[in-house]
Amino acid sequence: MFPLNLFRSNPYQSLTTLRGQRDAITSLTFSVFGQFVAAAGPSGVVIWDIETLQVVPLTLTPDNIHDPLKNAFPAACWIYFAQQNRHVLLLGSFASTIQLWDYIDAKLRFECKRKPVPHLTAAAEAAPQVLAVNCFPREVPVGKKAQIVVSFGDSSLGVWTLEADGELKQNFVVALEAELFPKVVRFDLDGNILVFSWKGRNVTLLHGGSGNTLWRKTTAPNLMGAVAVNETYEHFVACTSDGFELFNLEQMNLVRKLEHQPALLALPKQVSFVGQHILGRTDRGCAEVYALKSGKVVQSLKYPQGGLVQSVATCVSGERYLLAIAGSNGNQPCDVILWYRPRPTASPVSKEYCTLSLGSVTFKRKYLKLVGWFLLVIVLLAGYTAVVLHYSDIIYGHACHAPFNLCSLRSNAEAPAHKPNLPKTMPVIELPGCEVIRRDIIFIDDKGKSGKKEHHGKRKQERRRSH
């Protein structure tokens, strides 16, 4: 079958390939403003500087060196403090601990200044792994604090506060119901916590200050391996048993299913929003870029080594969108590939309405489109009519050697025998440039008989004598 997208332009271009990770990459995340990108997995974490494309060194603690589980990170998140111009990387480990790494400008490296924060409610012999990490806000204004939420494999959830000076305080720990498995946690725009359960069709909103349940909805998809929420928190896309599906967060109804191929491996596939697109990973050696409006694939981002591409990340960096995909094939080095697309400078127009400058009157965009199409049809019809008349004049002029004149198309047939309102003499119309059929002047007397040119000439002489 001939591919319909053969001549389709790709919105994203390849930027570079980052190397250095020795094993599968299970978590991939950009820092605020896109200055750094971190790739974490069973073999630890590697951080690259986007501008220099070089690996940024980290100072490991003795605990990280001697305990492999503390050096394996399934979840990561970034915070930026504007007051100190400092980037902080949060890492959740398989050993149920949280690590915070500060970027030191003077040394051009990351340092772990705090001891790893353990999961206080878990027994040492059964420490659950960290499932997800999220912070609010990611860009902390001057004089403000950052909140950190971490979910664990024992269906518990903890919230911490990070001060600008680096002080970390635990606010509370919530033990969720046994049937809730908090695979994904996200702060909403008000600082409350959205909990997406891996199974059970459950989405719960917790109060960000106390952990109390504000509402719970049980009409979500039955299986949600990965979840991404858009900037306005109106929609979320989830990796379900039927592929990627877009839902309305408030009503919890299905908006559309994204185009996809059948999965080869039953593993959660990460997904992320970027502008008017959705980036989702696959197990076929690529990541797919979907159109948000249609759910169709607009571009495939190839991973040269093939296989599983489990981790993806997106970021808005200045005047461009940044995308990152990473390989997740175990027991082999995996790369991170960066892609980019220029960011539109003009602010987007509303989908439903467009405001005119005439008295600030607001009209629906679809009506403006209809008016535009109507005017276009009128202009095309007028142009077509003008062209037809113009070329009709030229064609007639070439045929009869004279300009086109509707008045010259009168019939030269003889007048009827009896017509009281006709004059007694009627000239035969001669078409200029055409063959003359008859040059006699015909007249009709009172008896209906016709005369010829001689009689007309006689009457003309009598008229001259009278004058």
Protein backbone atom coordinates (compact mmCIF):
# COMPACT_ATOMS: atom_id res chain seq x y z
CA MET A 1 0.00 0.00 0.00
CA PHE A 2 1.34 3.44 -0.91
CA PRO A 3 2.17 5.45 2.23
CA LEU A 4 0.02 8.56 2.46
CA ASN A 5 2.52 10.33 4.71
CA LEU A 6 5.47 9.93 2.32
CA PHE A 7 5.62 13.65 1.57
CA ARG A 8 4.55 14.83 5.04
CA SER A 9 7.02 17.20 6.66
CA ASN A 10 8.32 16.15 10.07
CA PRO A 11 7.68 18.79 12.74
CA TYR A 12 10.64 17.69 14.90
CA GLN A 13 14.28 17.53 13.87
CA SER A 14 17.04 15.46 15.46
CA LEU A 15 19.35 17.55 17.65
CA THR A 16 21.98 15.20 19.11
CA THR A 17 22.62 11.84 20.76
CA LEU A 18 23.74 11.71 24.40
CA ARG A 19 25.78 8.73 25.58
CA GLY A 20 26.97 7.62 29.00
CA GLN A 21 24.25 5.50 30.61
CA ARG A 22 25.40 1.89 31.08
CA ASP A 23 22.01 0.20 31.48
CA ALA A 24 18.32 0.60 30.75
CA ILE A 25 16.83 4.06 31.29
CA THR A 26 13.57 3.95 33.25
CA SER A 27 13.18 7.65 34.07
CA LEU A 28 13.94 10.64 31.85
CA THR A 29 13.30 14.27 32.82
CA PHE A 30 14.27 17.83 31.83
CA SER A 31 15.18 20.51 34.32
CA VAL A 32 13.24 23.77 34.47
CA PHE A 33 14.01 25.86 31.34
CA GLY A 34 15.67 22.81 29.75
CA GLN A 35 19.23 23.44 30.91
CA PHE A 36 19.82 19.82 32.01
CA VAL A 37 18.40 16.40 31.21
CA ALA A 38 18.72 13.46 33.61
CA ALA A 39 18.48 9.77 32.70
CA ALA A 40 18.01 7.39 35.64
CA GLY A 41 17.77 3.64 35.89
CA PRO A 42 19.19 0.52 37.57
CA SER A 43 22.78 1.68 36.98
CA GLY A 44 22.31 5.12 38.54
CA VAL A 45 21.77 8.57 37.04
CA VAL A 46 23.56 10.50 34.30
CA ILE A 47 23.02 14.25 33.80
CA TRP A 48 23.92 16.18 30.66
CA ASP A 49 24.22 19.92 30.07
CA ILE A 50 22.06 20.74 27.03
CA GLU A 51 24.25 23.66 25.93
CA THR A 52 27.62 21.91 26.10
CA LEU A 53 26.24 18.37 25.53
CA GLN A 54 28.68 17.16 28.19
CA VAL A 55 28.06 14.88 31.17
CA VAL A 56 27.83 16.80 34.44
CA PRO A 57 29.72 14.98 37.24
CA LEU A 58 28.03 13.88 40.47
CA THR A 59 29.60 13.37 43.88
CA LEU A 60 28.43 9.98 45.19
CA THR A 61 28.06 9.31 48.92
CA PRO A 62 29.34 6.13 50.58
CA ASP A 63 25.77 4.86 50.91
CA ASN A 64 25.30 5.06 47.15
CA ILE A 65 28.53 3.22 46.45
CA HIS A 66 27.92 0.25 48.79
CA ASP A 67 24.16 -0.19 48.29
CA PRO A 68 23.12 -0.84 44.67
CA LEU A 69 19.44 -0.28 45.46
CA LYS A 70 20.17 3.24 46.70
CA ASN A 71 21.90 3.96 43.42
CA ALA A 72 18.99 2.74 41.27
CA PHE A 73 16.31 5.34 40.60
CA PRO A 74 12.90 4.63 39.01
CA ALA A 75 11.59 8.20 39.50
CA ALA A 76 13.03 11.73 39.21
CA CYS A 77 11.88 15.37 39.33
CA TRP A 78 13.46 18.87 39.11
CA ILE A 79 13.01 22.05 41.18
CA TYR A 80 14.42 25.52 40.46
CA PHE A 81 14.81 28.16 43.20
CA ALA A 82 14.86 31.66 41.72
CA GLN A 83 16.27 33.23 44.87
CA GLN A 84 19.54 31.27 44.74
CA ASN A 85 19.42 30.51 40.99
CA ARG A 86 19.80 26.86 41.97
CA HIS A 87 18.68 23.64 40.30
CA VAL A 88 17.78 20.69 42.53
CA LEU A 89 17.30 17.13 41.25
CA LEU A 90 15.07 14.79 43.29
CA LEU A 91 15.61 11.06 42.87
CA GLY A 92 13.43 8.27 44.23
CA SER A 93 15.28 4.98 44.73
CA PHE A 94 14.39 1.30 44.82
CA ALA A 95 15.47 1.38 48.48
CA SER A 96 12.52 3.60 49.50
CA THR A 97 14.69 6.71 49.90
CA ILE A 98 14.67 10.21 48.41
CA GLN A 99 17.86 11.96 47.38
CA LEU A 100 18.30 15.66 46.60
CA TRP A 101 21.17 16.81 44.38
CA ASP A 102 22.11 20.51 44.17
CA TYR A 103 23.92 21.98 41.18
CA ILE A 104 26.96 23.99 42.30
CA ASP A 105 27.80 26.66 39.72
CA ALA A 106 31.30 27.26 41.04
CA LYS A 107 32.20 23.56 40.75
CA LEU A 108 30.06 22.77 37.68
CA ARG A 109 28.77 19.58 39.27
CA PHE A 110 25.94 18.13 41.36
CA GLU A 111 26.43 17.39 45.04
CA CYS A 112 24.26 15.50 47.50
CA LYS A 113 24.38 17.75 50.57
CA ARG A 114 21.62 15.97 52.52
CA LYS A 115 21.33 12.43 53.72
CA PRO A 116 18.84 10.26 51.83
CA VAL A 117 15.34 10.65 53.27
CA PRO A 118 13.92 7.22 54.18
CA HIS A 119 10.32 6.06 54.15
CA LEU A 120 9.58 6.33 57.89
CA THR A 121 6.51 4.10 58.03
CA ALA A 122 8.06 1.11 56.29
CA ALA A 123 9.98 -1.64 57.99
CA ALA A 124 13.62 -1.85 57.08
CA GLU A 125 13.33 -5.43 55.87
CA ALA A 126 10.38 -4.63 53.57
CA ALA A 127 11.16 -1.16 52.30
CA PRO A 128 8.93 -0.44 49.29
CA GLN A 129 10.34 1.21 46.22
CA VAL A 130 9.50 4.75 45.21
CA LEU A 131 6.86 4.79 42.46
CA ALA A 132 6.57 8.48 41.58
CA VAL A 133 7.93 11.90 42.56
CA ASN A 134 6.41 15.30 41.85
CA CYS A 135 6.90 18.87 43.09
CA PHE A 136 4.94 22.13 43.22
CA PRO A 137 5.82 24.59 41.93
CA ARG A 138 8.71 23.50 39.76
CA GLU A 139 9.92 27.10 39.52
CA VAL A 140 9.87 28.45 43.08
CA PRO A 141 9.56 32.26 43.33
CA VAL A 142 11.63 34.33 45.74
CA GLY A 143 10.50 33.81 49.34
CA LYS A 144 8.37 30.74 48.56
CA LYS A 145 8.64 27.05 49.36
CA ALA A 146 8.41 23.91 47.28
CA GLN A 147 6.19 20.96 48.08
CA ILE A 148 7.32 17.43 47.25
CA VAL A 149 5.02 14.40 47.02
CA VAL A 150 6.33 10.84 46.83
CA SER A 151 4.30 7.64 46.39
CA PHE A 152 5.55 4.23 47.53
CA GLY A 153 4.88 0.63 46.62
CA ASP A 154 3.06 -0.07 49.90
CA SER A 155 0.16 2.23 48.86
CA SER A 156 1.40 5.10 50.99
CA LEU A 157 2.12 8.69 50.13
CA GLY A 158 4.33 11.31 51.78
CA VAL A 159 4.58 15.09 51.42
CA TRP A 160 7.63 17.23 52.26
CA THR A 161 8.42 20.95 52.17
CA LEU A 162 11.75 22.15 50.78
CA GLU A 163 12.90 25.62 51.82
CA ALA A 164 15.00 27.91 49.64
CA ASP A 165 17.93 27.46 52.04
CA GLY A 166 17.82 23.68 51.55
CA GLU A 167 15.94 22.66 54.69
CA LEU A 168 13.66 19.66 54.12
CA LYS A 169 10.67 18.98 56.41
CA GLN A 170 8.12 16.18 56.28
CA ASN A 171 4.51 17.37 56.43
CA PHE A 172 2.51 14.13 56.60
CA VAL A 173 2.26 10.53 55.40
CA VAL A 174 -1.01 9.04 54.17
CA ALA A 175 -1.77 5.31 54.04
CA LEU A 176 -4.13 4.77 51.12
CA GLU A 177 -6.61 1.95 50.75
CA ALA A 178 -5.13 -1.42 49.87
CA GLU A 179 -6.82 -1.45 46.47
CA LEU A 180 -5.15 1.87 45.53
CA PHE A 181 -1.73 1.53 43.99
CA PRO A 182 -0.42 5.12 43.51
CA LYS A 183 1.48 4.60 40.28
CA VAL A 184 1.33 8.31 39.35
CA VAL A 185 0.97 11.36 41.61
CA ARG A 186 0.67 14.97 40.41
CA PHE A 187 0.10 18.35 42.03
CA ASP A 188 -2.73 20.32 40.44
CA LEU A 189 -2.80 24.09 39.95
CA ASP A 190 -4.07 24.64 43.53
CA GLY A 191 -1.42 22.52 45.22
CA ASN A 192 -3.70 19.53 45.80
CA ILE A 193 -2.55 16.02 44.90
CA LEU A 194 -3.98 13.86 42.11
CA VAL A 195 -3.45 10.13 42.66
CA PHE A 196 -3.86 7.82 39.64
CA SER A 197 -4.19 4.20 40.69
CA TRP A 198 -2.52 1.57 38.55
CA LYS A 199 -5.59 -0.68 38.82
CA GLY A 200 -9.14 -0.29 40.04
CA ARG A 201 -10.47 2.54 37.81
CA ASN A 202 -9.65 5.04 40.55
CA VAL A 203 -8.53 8.69 40.51
CA THR A 204 -8.38 10.48 43.88
CA LEU A 205 -7.78 14.13 44.80
CA LEU A 206 -6.10 14.73 48.17
CA HIS A 207 -5.75 18.02 50.01
CA GLY A 208 -2.18 19.26 49.64
CA GLY A 209 -1.94 20.45 53.23
CA SER A 210 -3.55 17.63 55.16
CA GLY A 211 -3.88 14.62 52.86
CA ASN A 212 -7.66 14.41 53.31
CA THR A 213 -9.67 13.07 50.41
CA LEU A 214 -11.48 15.83 48.49
CA TRP A 215 -13.09 13.62 45.86
CA ARG A 216 -12.73 10.20 44.29
CA LYS A 217 -13.85 9.02 40.88
CA THR A 218 -14.16 5.36 40.01
CA THR A 219 -14.92 5.67 36.28
CA ALA A 220 -11.30 5.92 35.15
CA PRO A 221 -9.66 3.27 32.94
CA ASN A 222 -9.20 -0.08 34.63
CA LEU A 223 -5.44 -0.08 34.00
CA MET A 224 -3.23 3.04 33.94
CA GLY A 225 0.45 2.20 33.66
CA ALA A 226 1.53 5.79 32.95
CA VAL A 227 -0.32 9.11 33.05
CA ALA A 228 0.41 12.65 31.82
CA VAL A 229 -1.71 15.72 32.59
CA ASN A 230 -1.81 18.80 30.35
CA GLU A 231 -0.93 22.31 31.57
CA THR A 232 -4.54 23.40 32.15
CA TYR A 233 -5.44 20.15 33.95
CA GLU A 234 -8.46 19.68 31.72
CA HIS A 235 -7.28 16.42 30.13
CA PHE A 236 -4.97 13.55 30.86
CA VAL A 237 -3.62 10.80 28.65
CA ALA A 238 -3.10 7.32 30.09
CA CYS A 239 -1.37 4.18 28.93
CA THR A 240 -4.14 1.60 29.18
CA SER A 241 -4.66 -1.95 27.97
CA ASP A 242 -6.02 -0.42 24.72
CA GLY A 243 -3.02 1.84 24.13
CA PHE A 244 -2.89 5.57 24.76
CA GLU A 245 -6.26 7.16 25.53
CA LEU A 246 -7.16 10.81 26.12
CA PHE A 247 -9.69 11.58 28.90
CA ASN A 248 -11.48 14.58 30.33
CA LEU A 249 -10.29 14.94 33.93
CA GLU A 250 -13.44 16.54 35.36
CA GLN A 251 -16.02 14.28 33.72
CA MET A 252 -13.66 11.28 33.41
CA ASN A 253 -15.02 10.43 29.95
CA LEU A 254 -13.03 9.21 26.97
CA VAL A 255 -12.20 11.95 24.46
CA ARG A 256 -10.37 9.83 21.87
CA LYS A 257 -8.03 6.91 21.43
CA LEU A 258 -4.62 7.58 19.98
CA GLU A 259 -3.51 5.67 16.91
CA HIS A 260 -1.18 2.82 17.90
CA GLN A 261 0.12 -0.61 16.98
CA PRO A 262 -0.42 -3.68 19.19
CA ALA A 263 2.08 -3.83 22.05
CA LEU A 264 4.75 -6.52 22.05
CA LEU A 265 5.60 -6.19 25.77
CA ALA A 266 3.15 -5.69 28.63
CA LEU A 267 5.08 -2.79 30.18
CA PRO A 268 3.89 0.71 31.07
CA LYS A 269 4.68 3.20 28.32
CA GLN A 270 5.53 6.73 29.40
CA VAL A 271 3.71 9.62 27.75
CA SER A 272 3.94 13.41 27.85
CA PHE A 273 2.23 16.53 26.45
CA VAL A 274 4.17 19.02 24.33
CA GLY A 275 2.29 21.97 22.79
CA GLN A 276 -0.38 20.60 20.45
CA HIS A 277 1.23 17.16 20.40
CA ILE A 278 1.51 14.10 22.62
CA LEU A 279 4.73 12.08 22.85
CA GLY A 280 4.42 8.39 23.68
CA ARG A 281 6.94 5.61 23.74
CA THR A 282 6.67 2.18 22.07
CA ASP A 283 8.35 -1.22 22.17
CA ARG A 284 9.13 -1.14 18.43
CA GLY A 285 12.30 0.94 18.45
CA CYS A 286 10.72 4.38 18.24
CA ALA A 287 8.57 6.96 19.98
CA GLU A 288 5.43 8.34 18.37
CA VAL A 289 4.30 11.97 18.13
CA TYR A 290 0.51 12.26 18.05
CA ALA A 291 -1.67 15.19 17.05
CA LEU A 292 -3.70 16.29 20.06
CA LYS A 293 -6.81 17.14 18.01
CA SER A 294 -6.99 13.99 15.89
CA GLY A 295 -4.98 11.37 17.77
CA LYS A 296 -3.13 10.48 14.55
CA VAL A 297 0.59 9.82 14.37
CA VAL A 298 2.35 12.80 12.80
CA GLN A 299 5.94 11.59 13.23
CA SER A 300 7.92 8.58 14.40
CA LEU A 301 11.13 9.30 16.31
CA LYS A 302 13.46 6.41 15.59
CA TYR A 303 15.80 4.91 18.16
CA PRO A 304 18.78 3.51 16.21
CA GLN A 305 19.39 0.56 18.54
CA GLY A 306 15.76 -0.56 18.28
CA GLY A 307 13.88 -2.49 20.92
CA LEU A 308 12.17 -0.95 23.92
CA VAL A 309 11.87 2.83 24.20
CA GLN A 310 10.27 3.15 27.60
CA SER A 311 11.25 6.68 28.72
CA VAL A 312 10.29 9.96 27.07
CA ALA A 313 10.40 13.58 28.24
CA THR A 314 9.35 16.99 26.90
CA CYS A 315 10.26 20.57 27.73
CA VAL A 316 9.71 24.15 26.57
CA SER A 317 13.13 25.76 26.33
CA GLY A 318 13.15 29.37 25.15
CA GLU A 319 12.09 29.51 21.51
CA ARG A 320 11.88 25.77 20.93
CA TYR A 321 10.24 22.57 22.11
CA LEU A 322 12.62 19.84 23.29
CA LEU A 323 11.87 16.12 23.16
CA ALA A 324 13.97 13.30 24.57
CA ILE A 325 13.64 9.56 24.03
CA ALA A 326 15.78 6.87 25.65
CA GLY A 327 16.43 3.20 25.16
CA SER A 328 15.35 0.75 27.86
CA ASN A 329 17.03 -2.47 26.73
CA GLY A 330 18.53 -4.13 29.80
CA ASN A 331 22.20 -5.06 30.31
CA GLN A 332 23.49 -2.83 27.54
CA PRO A 333 24.43 0.86 27.14
CA CYS A 334 21.45 3.03 26.26
CA ASP A 335 21.47 6.45 24.61
CA VAL A 336 19.31 9.53 24.90
CA ILE A 337 18.29 11.21 21.63
CA LEU A 338 17.17 14.84 21.62
CA TRP A 339 14.74 16.33 19.12
CA TYR A 340 13.55 19.92 18.74
CA ARG A 341 10.97 22.08 17.01
CA PRO A 342 10.82 25.91 16.83
CA ARG A 343 8.23 27.36 19.14
CA PRO A 344 5.62 29.72 17.61
CA THR A 345 6.24 33.28 18.78
CA ALA A 346 2.66 34.52 18.30
CA SER A 347 0.11 33.67 20.95
CA PRO A 348 -2.33 31.02 19.74
CA VAL A 349 -5.86 32.06 18.77
CA SER A 350 -8.72 30.55 20.67
CA LYS A 351 -10.16 27.40 19.14
CA GLU A 352 -13.79 28.49 19.44
CA TYR A 353 -13.79 32.31 19.32
CA CYS A 354 -12.00 35.11 17.54
CA THR A 355 -12.36 38.76 18.69
CA LEU A 356 -12.68 41.51 16.11
CA SER A 357 -11.50 45.07 16.72
CA LEU A 358 -14.84 46.61 15.76
CA GLY A 359 -16.24 47.49 19.15
CA SER A 360 -14.58 44.40 20.70
CA VAL A 361 -17.37 42.19 19.38
CA THR A 362 -16.73 38.48 19.73
CA PHE A 363 -17.79 36.12 16.98
CA LYS A 364 -17.56 32.36 16.79
CA ARG A 365 -14.66 31.25 14.68
CA LYS A 366 -16.72 28.75 12.70
CA TYR A 367 -19.10 31.52 11.57
CA LEU A 368 -16.18 33.63 10.41
CA LYS A 369 -14.97 30.68 8.39
CA LEU A 370 -18.37 30.30 6.73
CA VAL A 371 -18.45 33.99 5.82
CA GLY A 372 -14.95 33.73 4.42
CA TRP A 373 -15.86 30.75 2.27
CA PHE A 374 -19.01 32.50 1.03
CA LEU A 375 -17.05 35.60 -0.01
CA LEU A 376 -14.48 33.44 -1.72
CA VAL A 377 -17.16 31.68 -3.78
CA ILE A 378 -18.66 35.05 -4.80
CA VAL A 379 -15.28 36.36 -5.91
CA LEU A 380 -14.59 33.20 -7.91
CA LEU A 381 -17.97 33.37 -9.65
CA ALA A 382 -17.48 37.05 -10.51
CA GLY A 383 -14.04 36.35 -11.87
CA TYR A 384 -15.31 33.42 -13.91
CA THR A 385 -18.09 35.57 -15.43
CA ALA A 386 -15.65 38.33 -16.35
CA VAL A 387 -13.33 35.86 -18.03
CA VAL A 388 -16.19 34.28 -20.01
CA LEU A 389 -17.43 37.67 -21.28
CA HIS A 390 -13.92 38.79 -22.15
CA TYR A 391 -13.08 35.72 -24.17
CA SER A 392 -16.55 35.66 -25.80
CA ASP A 393 -15.83 39.17 -27.20
CA ILE A 394 -12.48 38.01 -28.56
CA ILE A 395 -13.89 34.85 -30.15
CA TYR A 396 -16.75 36.72 -31.79
CA GLY A 397 -14.39 39.39 -33.07
CA HIS A 398 -12.17 36.77 -34.69
CA ALA A 399 -15.18 35.10 -36.33
CA CYS A 400 -17.03 38.20 -37.61
CA HIS A 401 -14.19 40.75 -37.71
CA ALA A 402 -16.15 43.09 -35.47
CA PRO A 403 -16.74 43.66 -31.76
CA PHE A 404 -19.45 41.64 -30.06
CA ASN A 405 -22.77 43.53 -30.01
CA LEU A 406 -26.01 42.04 -28.84
CA CYS A 407 -28.01 44.60 -30.88
CA SER A 408 -26.57 43.28 -34.11
CA LEU A 409 -28.07 39.86 -33.61
CA ARG A 410 -31.54 40.79 -34.80
CA SER A 411 -33.02 38.49 -37.38
CA ASN A 412 -32.97 39.62 -41.03
CA ALA A 413 -36.05 37.65 -41.94
CA GLU A 414 -38.83 39.43 -43.83
CA ALA A 415 -41.41 41.19 -41.73
CA PRO A 416 -44.84 39.58 -41.38
CA ALA A 417 -47.54 40.52 -43.93
CA HIS A 418 -49.92 42.18 -41.51
CA LYS A 419 -48.52 44.16 -38.54
CA PRO A 420 -50.33 47.48 -37.97
CA ASN A 421 -47.73 48.97 -35.59
CA LEU A 422 -44.77 48.43 -37.96
CA PRO A 423 -43.58 51.21 -40.28
CA LYS A 424 -44.27 50.82 -43.95
CA THR A 425 -40.59 50.75 -44.73
CA MET A 426 -38.15 48.55 -42.84
CA PRO A 427 -34.46 48.30 -43.63
CA VAL A 428 -32.78 44.96 -43.74
CA ILE A 429 -30.09 44.96 -41.01
CA GLU A 430 -26.65 44.27 -42.37
CA LEU A 431 -24.11 42.75 -39.99
CA PRO A 432 -20.74 44.46 -40.41
CA GLY A 433 -18.13 42.14 -41.78
CA CYS A 434 -20.69 39.48 -42.72
CA GLU A 435 -22.04 38.56 -46.14
CA VAL A 436 -24.92 40.76 -47.25
CA ILE A 437 -27.96 38.67 -47.99
CA ARG A 438 -30.11 41.43 -49.51
CA ARG A 439 -29.62 45.13 -50.15
CA ASP A 440 -33.18 45.99 -51.34
CA ILE A 441 -35.32 48.25 -49.25
CA ILE A 442 -38.61 46.58 -48.51
CA PHE A 443 -41.82 48.37 -47.79
CA ILE A 444 -45.35 47.25 -47.21
CA ASP A 445 -48.32 49.14 -48.68
CA ASP A 446 -51.86 49.25 -47.42
CA LYS A 447 -52.80 46.17 -49.38
CA GLY A 448 -50.00 44.11 -47.93
CA LYS A 449 -47.97 44.13 -51.10
CA SER A 450 -44.29 44.77 -50.98
CA GLY A 451 -42.36 47.23 -53.04
CA LYS A 452 -38.67 47.61 -53.78
CA LYS A 453 -35.91 50.16 -53.87
CA GLU A 454 -37.29 52.13 -56.87
CA HIS A 455 -40.46 53.10 -55.05
CA HIS A 456 -38.44 54.06 -51.98
CA GLY A 457 -36.24 56.21 -54.16
CA LYS A 458 -39.27 57.96 -55.66
CA ARG A 459 -40.68 58.80 -52.25
CA LYS A 460 -37.25 60.11 -51.26
CA GLN A 461 -37.23 62.51 -54.26
CA GLU A 462 -40.75 63.81 -53.47
CA ARG A 463 -39.67 64.45 -49.89
CA ARG A 464 -36.73 66.52 -51.11
CA ARG A 465 -39.00 68.66 -53.34
CA SER A 466 -41.34 69.38 -50.48
CA HIS A 467 -38.43 70.68 -48.45
